[in-house]
Each structure stands twice: as C-alpha cells, then as structure tokens.
Amino acid sequence: MEWMERLNAAISDIEEHLTEEIDYERLGRIACCSSYHFQRMFTYMAGIPLSEYIRRRKMSLAAVDLQSTNMKIIDVAGKYGYHSPTAFNRAFQSVHGIAPSAVKNEGVSVKSFPPILFKITVKGVEEMNYRIETKDAFRVVGVSVSLDKDIEKNFTVIPSKWQEISMNGTLQRLIRMMDTQPTGVLGVSTCNDTEPWRYYIAVATSQEKDDLEEYTVPAATWAIFSGKGTNQSIQELERRIVTEWLPTSGYEYGNAPDVEVYLNPDPQNAQYEVWIPVIKKISMDRKTEI
C-alpha cells in the first residue's frame, strides 16, 4: 500500500505545481524511483503518458479560468507555462476541440479531467513466472541511442535503431561476439537521474569493442520475468509487471538499468526475459526527504 501512497503523493505534487514547470525528477524522488521509472509506472497504470496527463489537467483548469474570470487568453496561457500563444492554442484545441477564444460562447462544451487517484485493483488470475537473482556487474558491447526525458518520444527511436542494425549487419556481428553471461541480445535502458539516458543494443562479451560502444551494467538484484511472442507482447509483460506484480511484491525499483534479454530476437517469434532492478521496499517514514 505504501507504494500506492507514494504514487498518489506524486500526483498531489503535480496538482500543487500545475502553474509551474513540472519537475519529473522531483516526482521520481517522491515515488522513491527515477523519473524514468515513474513515467513508465504512470503510463502503464493510467493508460496515458505523464506528459499528456499534465497537459489535460492544465487545459482543464485553463478552460475554467477562461469561462469564469475576465482573464485574457495570453494571461491564462502564461499562468500554465505557455509563453507562446500558438503553443497554448494548439494544446487547448488538442484537449477541448475548440479554440480558447470560443470558450465563452453560449452552449460551447469543454472537457474536464479530474486528478487521478491510484488504487490497487484485484484482476484476473493469469500467472506470472519470475525469479529473484543477485548478479555481479557485467560488461556489454554494442551500439546505443540517446533517449528523451519524455519517454513517449522514445517509442519510435528505439525500434528505428533495432531496424537499422538489423539492416546494416551490426546485429549479426554482435550475436557472433556473445561469449559471457547473460546470453542473448540485450536492450539496456540506462535511465537513472545521474547519467545521460541511453538505450544500448548490446551483448555480454569479453572481446574488444573496436568501433562499438561499451557499458558496464552494475551489480544489482533483479526480478526476472520470462515471456515469448511478438515485440508487442514484451510491452504487455512490462505493463503487467508494473501494474500487477510490483505493487504487492514487497519490492520497489532499484538504481540500475532495465534490461531486456532477447534469447531469440525474431520480432514475430521472440523469446525473452525482462529484468527489473529491485530492492526491498522501504517504509514511508524512511523515504528520501524531498
């Protein structure tokens, strides 16, 4: 339950700062995880990206201001952090379907998006197979791509990188280099709040990196889940881990990368593992001071 309390505390913080720039790293600290993991948890649980939720909340309140006060559109835009009238108009229309100037017209309908409240919901009884393993640090070699702090923007970047290395022969080259554990082609997301966010497509190897990149996955305890199917099914597994397993597991996110292990990288018939770094859950009275 403490895990849900932290998520709801982060939502309360968003509400308190809707007229300011929302600090994603602060939200992560409140939830006792990185801003990357907080965005992932939010998206999987709420069904919309964090950035879109914040936009809807701001535009919901902006509509109230325009309807019930004499504030000018440019002042309302500035209140919610939009310094460009064009950007505000675009955001307002994307949420309400009308221009801000039309709000005061009689009979005009606008949308209201109340704050989210997270609760634990008991779902079906579909099993999830996992194991907890503590592993030493291991070296990987491969290629990487820079990730955006707004994780929704990365859903096109990462597949494009996989396609690129499949076409130019790099993936086959990496497969030939595998000679240490873990076996498989790895997708490593280095998304903590102390180093640049990158996604590595790599393998564990003792061979020279030559013109490739190198990264050391730190020692950590991992919750390891197995799955098979298409690339879409790995996203579904990750969603279930966050929404079904993590809240009642006794664990929370640890400070290490997420790792995808593709035992068979065929996108239509993949066999894979999802490694989530975990630590034993700490109580609310010991959480990091904000």
Protein backbone atom coordinates (compact mmCIF):
# COMPACT_ATOMS: atom_id res chain seq x y z
CA MET A 1 0.00 0.00 0.00
CA GLU A 2 2.91 2.39 0.68
CA TRP A 3 3.83 2.13 -2.99
CA MET A 4 0.39 3.47 -3.98
CA GLU A 5 0.64 6.18 -1.34
CA ARG A 6 3.88 7.38 -2.91
CA LEU A 7 2.33 7.47 -6.38
CA ASN A 8 -0.62 9.47 -5.07
CA ALA A 9 1.76 11.81 -3.23
CA ALA A 10 3.44 12.46 -6.59
CA ILE A 11 0.04 13.21 -8.14
CA SER A 12 -0.64 15.68 -5.33
CA ASP A 13 2.68 17.36 -6.09
CA ILE A 14 1.64 17.74 -9.73
CA GLU A 15 -1.57 19.42 -8.62
CA GLU A 16 0.35 21.85 -6.41
CA HIS A 17 2.63 22.87 -9.28
CA LEU A 18 0.34 22.95 -12.31
CA THR A 19 1.09 26.65 -12.85
CA GLU A 20 4.82 25.88 -12.89
CA GLU A 21 7.08 23.62 -14.90
CA ILE A 22 6.59 20.11 -13.54
CA ASP A 23 9.82 18.63 -12.20
CA TYR A 24 9.86 14.97 -13.29
CA GLU A 25 12.91 14.20 -11.17
CA ARG A 26 11.12 15.52 -8.10
CA LEU A 27 8.16 13.25 -8.85
CA GLY A 28 10.54 10.32 -9.03
CA ARG A 29 12.04 11.22 -5.65
CA ILE A 30 8.59 11.38 -4.10
CA ALA A 31 7.80 7.93 -5.53
CA CYS A 32 11.28 6.67 -4.50
CA CYS A 33 12.41 5.84 -8.03
CA SER A 34 13.98 7.53 -11.05
CA SER A 35 11.95 9.91 -13.18
CA TYR A 36 12.15 7.31 -15.98
CA HIS A 37 10.61 4.58 -13.84
CA PHE A 38 7.98 6.97 -12.53
CA GLN A 39 6.92 7.85 -16.08
CA ARG A 40 6.75 4.16 -17.00
CA MET A 41 4.66 3.29 -13.95
CA PHE A 42 2.34 6.22 -14.56
CA THR A 43 1.81 5.41 -18.24
CA TYR A 44 1.10 1.73 -17.60
CA MET A 45 -1.27 2.41 -14.70
CA ALA A 46 -3.08 5.50 -16.02
CA GLY A 47 -3.25 4.42 -19.65
CA ILE A 48 -1.88 7.77 -20.89
CA PRO A 49 1.61 9.31 -20.87
CA LEU A 50 2.51 11.54 -17.93
CA SER A 51 3.09 14.49 -20.26
CA GLU A 52 -0.41 14.09 -21.73
CA TYR A 53 -1.99 13.85 -18.27
CA ILE A 54 -0.30 17.08 -17.21
CA ARG A 55 -1.43 18.78 -20.43
CA ARG A 56 -5.03 17.68 -19.84
CA ARG A 57 -5.01 18.90 -16.24
CA LYS A 58 -3.60 22.28 -17.24
CA MET A 59 -6.05 22.73 -20.10
CA SER A 60 -8.94 21.63 -17.89
CA LEU A 61 -8.12 24.39 -15.40
CA ALA A 62 -7.39 26.85 -18.21
CA ALA A 63 -10.92 26.34 -19.54
CA VAL A 64 -12.35 27.11 -16.09
CA ASP A 65 -10.28 30.30 -15.89
CA LEU A 66 -11.46 31.44 -19.32
CA GLN A 67 -15.11 30.68 -18.55
CA SER A 68 -15.34 32.06 -15.03
CA THR A 69 -12.93 35.03 -14.96
CA ASN A 70 -12.08 38.06 -17.05
CA MET A 71 -8.51 36.87 -17.66
CA LYS A 72 -7.16 37.40 -21.15
CA ILE A 73 -6.15 34.35 -23.16
CA ILE A 74 -2.50 35.42 -23.14
CA ASP A 75 -2.59 35.69 -19.33
CA VAL A 76 -4.15 32.25 -18.93
CA ALA A 77 -1.55 30.85 -21.30
CA GLY A 78 1.25 32.35 -19.21
CA LYS A 79 -0.31 31.09 -16.00
CA TYR A 80 0.04 27.49 -17.17
CA GLY A 81 3.54 27.88 -18.59
CA TYR A 82 2.78 28.60 -22.25
CA HIS A 83 4.82 31.61 -23.37
CA SER A 84 3.73 31.21 -26.98
CA PRO A 85 0.04 31.90 -27.79
CA THR A 86 0.32 29.49 -30.71
CA ALA A 87 1.54 26.67 -28.44
CA PHE A 88 -1.26 27.36 -25.96
CA ASN A 89 -3.91 27.41 -28.70
CA ARG A 90 -2.59 24.12 -30.06
CA ALA A 91 -2.60 22.46 -26.63
CA PHE A 92 -6.07 23.82 -25.80
CA GLN A 93 -7.59 22.61 -29.06
CA SER A 94 -5.96 19.18 -28.72
CA VAL A 95 -7.79 18.72 -25.41
CA HIS A 96 -11.10 20.55 -25.91
CA GLY A 97 -11.51 20.51 -29.68
CA ILE A 98 -12.16 24.27 -29.82
CA ALA A 99 -10.06 27.43 -29.74
CA PRO A 100 -9.65 29.28 -26.40
CA SER A 101 -11.44 32.28 -27.92
CA ALA A 102 -14.63 30.21 -28.32
CA VAL A 103 -14.94 29.14 -24.68
CA LYS A 104 -17.21 31.99 -23.61
CA ASN A 105 -19.73 31.36 -26.39
CA GLU A 106 -23.07 30.14 -25.12
CA GLY A 107 -23.62 26.40 -25.42
CA VAL A 108 -19.95 25.59 -26.02
CA SER A 109 -18.85 22.30 -24.47
CA VAL A 110 -15.43 21.81 -22.88
CA LYS A 111 -13.87 18.79 -21.18
CA SER A 112 -12.99 18.34 -17.55
CA PHE A 113 -10.19 15.97 -16.49
CA PRO A 114 -10.12 15.47 -12.70
CA PRO A 115 -6.94 14.46 -10.86
CA ILE A 116 -6.04 10.77 -10.99
CA LEU A 117 -6.19 8.66 -7.83
CA PHE A 118 -4.36 5.34 -7.90
CA LYS A 119 -5.81 2.30 -6.14
CA ILE A 120 -4.85 -1.36 -6.11
CA THR A 121 -7.35 -3.40 -8.12
CA VAL A 122 -7.55 -7.18 -8.00
CA LYS A 123 -7.53 -8.54 -11.55
CA GLY A 124 -7.52 -12.00 -13.10
CA VAL A 125 -5.52 -14.97 -12.01
CA GLU A 126 -3.21 -15.25 -15.03
CA GLU A 127 0.12 -16.42 -13.64
CA MET A 128 3.42 -14.57 -13.92
CA ASN A 129 6.60 -16.62 -13.71
CA TYR A 130 9.60 -14.82 -12.23
CA ARG A 131 12.72 -15.35 -10.17
CA ILE A 132 14.84 -13.06 -8.00
CA GLU A 133 18.57 -13.14 -8.72
CA THR A 134 21.50 -11.08 -7.49
CA LYS A 135 24.18 -10.68 -10.16
CA ASP A 136 27.64 -9.15 -10.30
CA ALA A 137 28.37 -6.31 -12.70
CA PHE A 138 28.85 -7.36 -16.31
CA ARG A 139 30.30 -5.69 -19.41
CA VAL A 140 28.32 -5.25 -22.61
CA VAL A 141 29.38 -4.07 -26.06
CA GLY A 142 27.12 -2.73 -28.77
CA VAL A 143 25.51 0.46 -30.07
CA SER A 144 23.32 3.00 -28.33
CA VAL A 145 20.89 5.81 -28.98
CA SER A 146 20.15 8.86 -26.84
CA LEU A 147 16.77 8.85 -25.07
CA ASP A 148 14.47 11.79 -24.44
CA LYS A 149 13.40 12.68 -20.91
CA ASP A 150 9.81 12.44 -22.17
CA ILE A 151 9.80 8.67 -22.62
CA GLU A 152 6.88 8.67 -25.07
CA LYS A 153 9.17 10.19 -27.69
CA ASN A 154 11.41 7.12 -27.50
CA PHE A 155 8.80 4.67 -28.78
CA THR A 156 9.89 5.47 -32.34
CA VAL A 157 13.61 6.00 -31.64
CA ILE A 158 14.27 2.52 -30.21
CA PRO A 159 12.50 0.43 -32.91
CA SER A 160 14.28 2.51 -35.58
CA LYS A 161 17.64 1.67 -34.04
CA TRP A 162 16.82 -2.05 -33.98
CA GLN A 163 15.80 -1.89 -37.64
CA GLU A 164 18.98 0.00 -38.55
CA ILE A 165 21.37 -2.53 -37.00
CA SER A 166 19.39 -5.44 -38.44
CA MET A 167 19.76 -3.98 -41.93
CA ASN A 168 23.44 -2.96 -41.77
CA GLY A 169 24.79 -6.22 -40.31
CA THR A 170 25.63 -4.90 -36.84
CA LEU A 171 23.13 -7.19 -35.11
CA GLN A 172 24.65 -10.27 -36.69
CA ARG A 173 28.10 -9.04 -35.71
CA LEU A 174 27.01 -8.62 -32.08
CA ILE A 175 25.50 -12.10 -31.98
CA ARG A 176 28.85 -13.56 -33.05
CA MET A 177 30.57 -11.70 -30.18
CA MET A 178 28.49 -13.23 -27.36
CA ASP A 179 30.76 -15.21 -25.03
CA THR A 180 29.78 -14.34 -21.44
CA GLN A 181 26.60 -14.28 -19.37
CA PRO A 182 23.84 -13.31 -19.82
CA THR A 183 23.37 -15.00 -23.18
CA GLY A 184 21.20 -13.15 -25.66
CA VAL A 185 20.90 -9.79 -27.38
CA LEU A 186 20.32 -7.18 -24.71
CA GLY A 187 18.29 -4.00 -24.65
CA VAL A 188 19.71 -1.94 -21.77
CA SER A 189 17.98 1.28 -20.68
CA THR A 190 20.34 3.45 -18.62
CA CYS A 191 17.76 5.89 -17.34
CA ASN A 192 18.63 6.98 -13.81
CA ASP A 193 18.84 10.62 -12.75
CA THR A 194 22.64 10.79 -12.51
CA GLU A 195 23.79 9.96 -16.07
CA PRO A 196 22.62 10.63 -19.65
CA TRP A 197 19.69 8.48 -20.73
CA ARG A 198 20.68 5.95 -23.39
CA TYR A 199 19.38 2.69 -24.80
CA TYR A 200 22.01 0.09 -25.65
CA ILE A 201 21.52 -2.81 -28.04
CA ALA A 202 24.41 -4.98 -26.95
CA VAL A 203 25.73 -8.36 -25.91
CA ALA A 204 27.76 -9.55 -22.92
CA THR A 205 31.27 -10.22 -24.20
CA SER A 206 34.94 -10.30 -23.27
CA GLN A 207 36.02 -9.33 -26.80
CA GLU A 208 37.46 -5.96 -27.81
CA LYS A 209 34.84 -3.35 -28.58
CA ASP A 210 36.74 -1.89 -31.59
CA ASP A 211 34.39 0.71 -33.13
CA LEU A 212 31.45 -0.27 -30.90
CA GLU A 213 30.40 1.17 -27.55
CA GLU A 214 30.95 -0.32 -24.11
CA TYR A 215 28.88 -0.16 -20.92
CA THR A 216 29.07 -1.90 -17.56
CA VAL A 217 25.74 -3.00 -16.11
CA PRO A 218 26.16 -2.55 -12.35
CA ALA A 219 25.75 -5.30 -9.79
CA ALA A 220 22.12 -5.50 -8.71
CA THR A 221 19.26 -7.68 -7.61
CA TRP A 222 16.84 -8.39 -10.44
CA ALA A 223 13.28 -9.63 -10.72
CA ILE A 224 13.45 -11.68 -13.93
CA PHE A 225 10.31 -12.47 -15.93
CA SER A 226 10.14 -14.79 -18.95
CA GLY A 227 7.94 -14.39 -22.00
CA LYS A 228 7.53 -15.15 -25.68
CA GLY A 229 5.66 -13.79 -28.68
CA THR A 230 5.90 -10.56 -30.67
CA ASN A 231 7.57 -7.32 -29.65
CA GLN A 232 4.15 -6.10 -28.56
CA SER A 233 3.92 -8.93 -26.04
CA ILE A 234 7.07 -7.76 -24.23
CA GLN A 235 5.40 -4.38 -23.71
CA GLU A 236 2.35 -6.16 -22.29
CA LEU A 237 4.59 -8.13 -19.93
CA GLU A 238 6.26 -4.92 -18.75
CA ARG A 239 2.83 -3.38 -18.16
CA ARG A 240 1.73 -6.36 -16.06
CA ILE A 241 4.95 -6.26 -14.03
CA VAL A 242 4.33 -2.63 -13.10
CA THR A 243 0.57 -2.79 -12.56
CA GLU A 244 0.09 -6.29 -11.14
CA TRP A 245 3.34 -7.61 -9.66
CA LEU A 246 5.25 -4.62 -8.33
CA PRO A 247 2.55 -3.04 -6.09
CA THR A 248 2.21 -6.13 -3.89
CA SER A 249 5.65 -7.74 -4.36
CA GLY A 250 7.45 -6.31 -1.35
CA TYR A 251 9.97 -4.76 -3.75
CA GLU A 252 10.43 -1.40 -5.45
CA TYR A 253 12.65 -0.17 -8.26
CA GLY A 254 16.39 -0.30 -7.64
CA ASN A 255 19.02 2.08 -9.02
CA ALA A 256 20.11 0.08 -12.06
CA PRO A 257 19.13 -0.15 -15.74
CA ASP A 258 16.16 -2.08 -17.07
CA VAL A 259 17.36 -4.99 -19.19
CA GLU A 260 15.57 -6.87 -21.95
CA VAL A 261 17.21 -10.20 -22.83
CA TYR A 262 16.25 -11.48 -26.27
CA LEU A 263 17.03 -15.19 -26.38
CA ASN A 264 15.53 -15.34 -29.86
CA PRO A 265 15.46 -11.84 -31.41
CA ASP A 266 12.95 -12.70 -34.15
CA PRO A 267 10.38 -9.87 -33.71
CA GLN A 268 7.48 -12.16 -34.66
CA ASN A 269 8.50 -15.13 -32.51
CA ALA A 270 10.67 -13.67 -29.77
CA GLN A 271 11.73 -15.47 -26.60
CA TYR A 272 12.82 -13.00 -24.00
CA GLU A 273 13.33 -12.05 -20.38
CA VAL A 274 12.57 -8.73 -18.71
CA TRP A 275 14.96 -7.81 -15.89
CA ILE A 276 13.67 -5.22 -13.41
CA PRO A 277 16.19 -3.93 -10.83
CA VAL A 278 14.63 -4.23 -7.38
CA ILE A 279 15.34 -3.52 -3.72
CA LYS A 280 13.36 -4.48 -0.67
CA LYS A 281 10.60 -1.96 -0.08
CA ILE A 282 11.38 0.76 2.43
CA SER A 283 8.71 2.20 4.71
CA MET A 284 7.20 5.64 4.19
CA ASP A 285 8.89 7.12 7.26
CA ARG A 286 12.29 6.30 5.73
CA LYS A 287 11.65 7.66 2.25
CA THR A 288 14.00 10.21 0.78
CA GLU A 289 13.49 13.76 2.02
CA ILE A 290 12.17 15.92 -0.75
